[in-house]
Amino acid sequence: MTIEVLYSKIHRVRVTGAELHYIGSITLDSELIDSARLIEGQKVTIVNINNGERFDTYVIRGSKGSGEVTLNGPAARRVHKGDMIIIIAYASMSPEEARSFKPTLLFPDELTNRVGS
């Protein structure tokens, strides 16, 4: 048996863009992706602090150091530029693995979306 557990969380980043006419996904600054141990194409859950929306999408790599957090495609209708969101990734593992697993918790600067600013 496997269970879903928190793998990684980017806590409170500001949405920098919403591009409706795009295939779909969330484009993130490469530094956010790497620091959160995410993989391009990985499924993530987005929680919008401003309006309570919660939805799934996948990660696309953006420019390093850009601070970009852009929701694309239909997901763009669930956010506004400036909204504060949480990005959550889960992983499947056995209960035994889960007991000792330590998730990555990232707390970027809320104004710049930069890690360690």
C-alpha atoms as a PDB file:
ATOM      1  CA  MET A   1       0.000   0.000   0.000  1.00  0.00           C
ATOM      2  CA  THR A   2       1.098   3.584  -0.652  1.00  0.00           C
ATOM      3  CA  ILE A   3      -0.232   6.856   0.694  1.00  0.00           C
ATOM      4  CA  GLU A   4      -0.021  10.418  -0.617  1.00  0.00           C
ATOM      5  CA  VAL A   5       2.128  12.680   1.556  1.00  0.00           C
ATOM      6  CA  LEU A   6       3.422  16.221   1.314  1.00  0.00           C
ATOM      7  CA  TYR A   7       6.554  16.205  -0.854  1.00  0.00           C
ATOM      8  CA  SER A   8       7.173  19.928  -1.284  1.00  0.00           C
ATOM      9  CA  LYS A   9       5.452  23.246  -0.600  1.00  0.00           C
ATOM     10  CA  ILE A  10       6.144  26.756  -1.839  1.00  0.00           C
ATOM     11  CA  HIS A  11       4.342  28.861   0.742  1.00  0.00           C
ATOM     12  CA  ARG A  12       2.907  32.248  -0.235  1.00  0.00           C
ATOM     13  CA  VAL A  13       4.177  33.417  -3.603  1.00  0.00           C
ATOM     14  CA  ARG A  14       2.570  36.248  -5.523  1.00  0.00           C
ATOM     15  CA  VAL A  15       1.009  35.585  -8.945  1.00  0.00           C
ATOM     16  CA  THR A  16       2.868  37.655 -11.539  1.00  0.00           C
ATOM     17  CA  GLY A  17       0.685  36.773 -14.516  1.00  0.00           C
ATOM     18  CA  ALA A  18      -2.342  34.919 -15.861  1.00  0.00           C
ATOM     19  CA  GLU A  19      -2.239  33.867 -19.516  1.00  0.00           C
ATOM     20  CA  LEU A  20      -5.610  32.450 -20.589  1.00  0.00           C
ATOM     21  CA  HIS A  21      -4.635  31.689 -24.193  1.00  0.00           C
ATOM     22  CA  TYR A  22      -1.985  29.100 -23.415  1.00  0.00           C
ATOM     23  CA  ILE A  23      -2.016  25.313 -23.308  1.00  0.00           C
ATOM     24  CA  GLY A  24      -2.160  25.235 -19.510  1.00  0.00           C
ATOM     25  CA  SER A  25       0.126  24.933 -16.479  1.00  0.00           C
ATOM     26  CA  ILE A  26       2.026  27.110 -14.019  1.00  0.00           C
ATOM     27  CA  THR A  27       5.260  28.748 -15.148  1.00  0.00           C
ATOM     28  CA  LEU A  28       7.674  29.164 -12.229  1.00  0.00           C
ATOM     29  CA  ASP A  29      11.039  30.835 -11.837  1.00  0.00           C
ATOM     30  CA  SER A  30      13.673  28.084 -12.197  1.00  0.00           C
ATOM     31  CA  GLU A  31      15.084  28.967  -8.766  1.00  0.00           C
ATOM     32  CA  LEU A  32      11.698  28.199  -7.169  1.00  0.00           C
ATOM     33  CA  ILE A  33      11.496  24.883  -9.037  1.00  0.00           C
ATOM     34  CA  ASP A  34      14.993  23.794  -8.041  1.00  0.00           C
ATOM     35  CA  SER A  35      14.751  24.981  -4.439  1.00  0.00           C
ATOM     36  CA  ALA A  36      11.423  23.175  -3.973  1.00  0.00           C
ATOM     37  CA  ARG A  37      12.821  19.999  -5.609  1.00  0.00           C
ATOM     38  CA  LEU A  38      10.102  20.054  -8.262  1.00  0.00           C
ATOM     39  CA  ILE A  39      10.412  18.573 -11.737  1.00  0.00           C
ATOM     40  CA  GLU A  40       9.153  20.177 -14.929  1.00  0.00           C
ATOM     41  CA  GLY A  41       5.847  18.528 -15.805  1.00  0.00           C
ATOM     42  CA  GLN A  42       5.185  17.485 -12.201  1.00  0.00           C
ATOM     43  CA  LYS A  43       1.602  17.741 -10.963  1.00  0.00           C
ATOM     44  CA  VAL A  44       1.034  20.396  -8.291  1.00  0.00           C
ATOM     45  CA  THR A  45      -1.957  21.660  -6.356  1.00  0.00           C
ATOM     46  CA  ILE A  46      -2.480  25.416  -6.294  1.00  0.00           C
ATOM     47  CA  VAL A  47      -4.272  27.015  -3.335  1.00  0.00           C
ATOM     48  CA  ASN A  48      -5.308  30.639  -3.867  1.00  0.00           C
ATOM     49  CA  ILE A  49      -5.242  32.435  -0.519  1.00  0.00           C
ATOM     50  CA  ASN A  50      -7.220  35.390  -1.907  1.00  0.00           C
ATOM     51  CA  ASN A  51     -10.307  33.505  -3.115  1.00  0.00           C
ATOM     52  CA  GLY A  52     -10.083  29.967  -1.713  1.00  0.00           C
ATOM     53  CA  GLU A  53      -9.737  28.286  -5.131  1.00  0.00           C
ATOM     54  CA  ARG A  54      -7.894  24.957  -5.106  1.00  0.00           C
ATOM     55  CA  PHE A  55      -6.911  23.216  -8.357  1.00  0.00           C
ATOM     56  CA  ASP A  56      -4.263  21.008  -9.969  1.00  0.00           C
ATOM     57  CA  THR A  57      -1.918  21.791 -12.843  1.00  0.00           C
ATOM     58  CA  TYR A  58       1.678  21.005 -13.838  1.00  0.00           C
ATOM     59  CA  VAL A  59       5.003  22.837 -13.652  1.00  0.00           C
ATOM     60  CA  ILE A  60       6.754  24.623 -16.533  1.00  0.00           C
ATOM     61  CA  ARG A  61      10.250  26.062 -16.056  1.00  0.00           C
ATOM     62  CA  GLY A  62      10.538  29.846 -16.318  1.00  0.00           C
ATOM     63  CA  SER A  63      13.563  32.130 -16.424  1.00  0.00           C
ATOM     64  CA  LYS A  64      15.984  31.925 -13.513  1.00  0.00           C
ATOM     65  CA  GLY A  65      15.806  34.911 -11.168  1.00  0.00           C
ATOM     66  CA  SER A  66      12.637  36.283 -12.790  1.00  0.00           C
ATOM     67  CA  GLY A  67      10.327  35.713  -9.811  1.00  0.00           C
ATOM     68  CA  GLU A  68       7.757  34.492 -12.327  1.00  0.00           C
ATOM     69  CA  VAL A  69       4.612  32.748 -11.088  1.00  0.00           C
ATOM     70  CA  THR A  70       2.233  32.666 -14.066  1.00  0.00           C
ATOM     71  CA  LEU A  71      -0.933  30.579 -14.295  1.00  0.00           C
ATOM     72  CA  ASN A  72      -1.668  29.525 -17.867  1.00  0.00           C
ATOM     73  CA  GLY A  73      -4.718  28.242 -19.745  1.00  0.00           C
ATOM     74  CA  PRO A  74      -7.973  27.619 -17.851  1.00  0.00           C
ATOM     75  CA  ALA A  75      -6.143  27.978 -14.508  1.00  0.00           C
ATOM     76  CA  ALA A  76      -5.672  31.655 -15.380  1.00  0.00           C
ATOM     77  CA  ARG A  77      -9.384  32.166 -14.660  1.00  0.00           C
ATOM     78  CA  ARG A  78      -8.861  31.102 -11.033  1.00  0.00           C
ATOM     79  CA  VAL A  79      -6.290  33.771 -10.133  1.00  0.00           C
ATOM     80  CA  HIS A  80      -5.585  37.457 -10.595  1.00  0.00           C
ATOM     81  CA  LYS A  81      -2.198  39.078 -10.903  1.00  0.00           C
ATOM     82  CA  GLY A  82      -1.117  39.912  -7.351  1.00  0.00           C
ATOM     83  CA  ASP A  83      -2.990  37.020  -5.694  1.00  0.00           C
ATOM     84  CA  MET A  84      -1.064  35.095  -3.056  1.00  0.00           C
ATOM     85  CA  ILE A  85      -0.906  31.317  -3.637  1.00  0.00           C
ATOM     86  CA  ILE A  86       0.564  28.164  -2.114  1.00  0.00           C
ATOM     87  CA  ILE A  87       2.007  25.501  -4.422  1.00  0.00           C
ATOM     88  CA  ILE A  88       1.875  21.937  -3.069  1.00  0.00           C
ATOM     89  CA  ALA A  89       3.349  18.717  -4.453  1.00  0.00           C
ATOM     90  CA  TYR A  90       2.589  15.277  -3.071  1.00  0.00           C
ATOM     91  CA  ALA A  91       4.383  11.938  -3.441  1.00  0.00           C
ATOM     92  CA  SER A  92       3.238   8.344  -3.109  1.00  0.00           C
ATOM     93  CA  MET A  93       5.168   6.258  -0.635  1.00  0.00           C
ATOM     94  CA  SER A  94       4.712   3.452   1.812  1.00  0.00           C
ATOM     95  CA  PRO A  95       3.588   4.359   5.331  1.00  0.00           C
ATOM     96  CA  GLU A  96       7.033   3.277   6.541  1.00  0.00           C
ATOM     97  CA  GLU A  97       8.794   5.675   4.137  1.00  0.00           C
ATOM     98  CA  ALA A  98       6.345   8.453   5.006  1.00  0.00           C
ATOM     99  CA  ARG A  99       7.151   8.257   8.714  1.00  0.00           C
ATOM    100  CA  SER A 100      10.757   9.298   8.123  1.00  0.00           C
ATOM    101  CA  PHE A 101      10.336  11.461   5.001  1.00  0.00           C
ATOM    102  CA  LYS A 102      11.030  15.194   5.415  1.00  0.00           C
ATOM    103  CA  PRO A 103       9.215  17.425   2.901  1.00  0.00           C
ATOM    104  CA  THR A 104      10.791  20.532   1.403  1.00  0.00           C
ATOM    105  CA  LEU A 105       9.127  23.679   2.748  1.00  0.00           C
ATOM    106  CA  LEU A 106       9.999  26.890   0.920  1.00  0.00           C
ATOM    107  CA  PHE A 107       9.142  30.392   2.164  1.00  0.00           C
ATOM    108  CA  PRO A 108      10.159  32.852  -0.584  1.00  0.00           C
ATOM    109  CA  ASP A 109      10.110  36.619  -0.209  1.00  0.00           C
ATOM    110  CA  GLU A 110       6.451  37.595  -0.697  1.00  0.00           C
ATOM    111  CA  LEU A 111       7.253  40.719  -2.702  1.00  0.00           C
ATOM    112  CA  THR A 112       9.807  39.296  -5.125  1.00  0.00           C
ATOM    113  CA  ASN A 113       9.054  35.545  -5.081  1.00  0.00           C
ATOM    114  CA  ARG A 114      12.800  35.053  -4.714  1.00  0.00           C
ATOM    115  CA  VAL A 115      14.410  32.422  -2.520  1.00  0.00           C
ATOM    116  CA  GLY A 116      16.791  33.809   0.091  1.00  0.00           C
ATOM    117  CA  SER A 117      16.216  37.476  -0.793  1.00  0.00           C
END
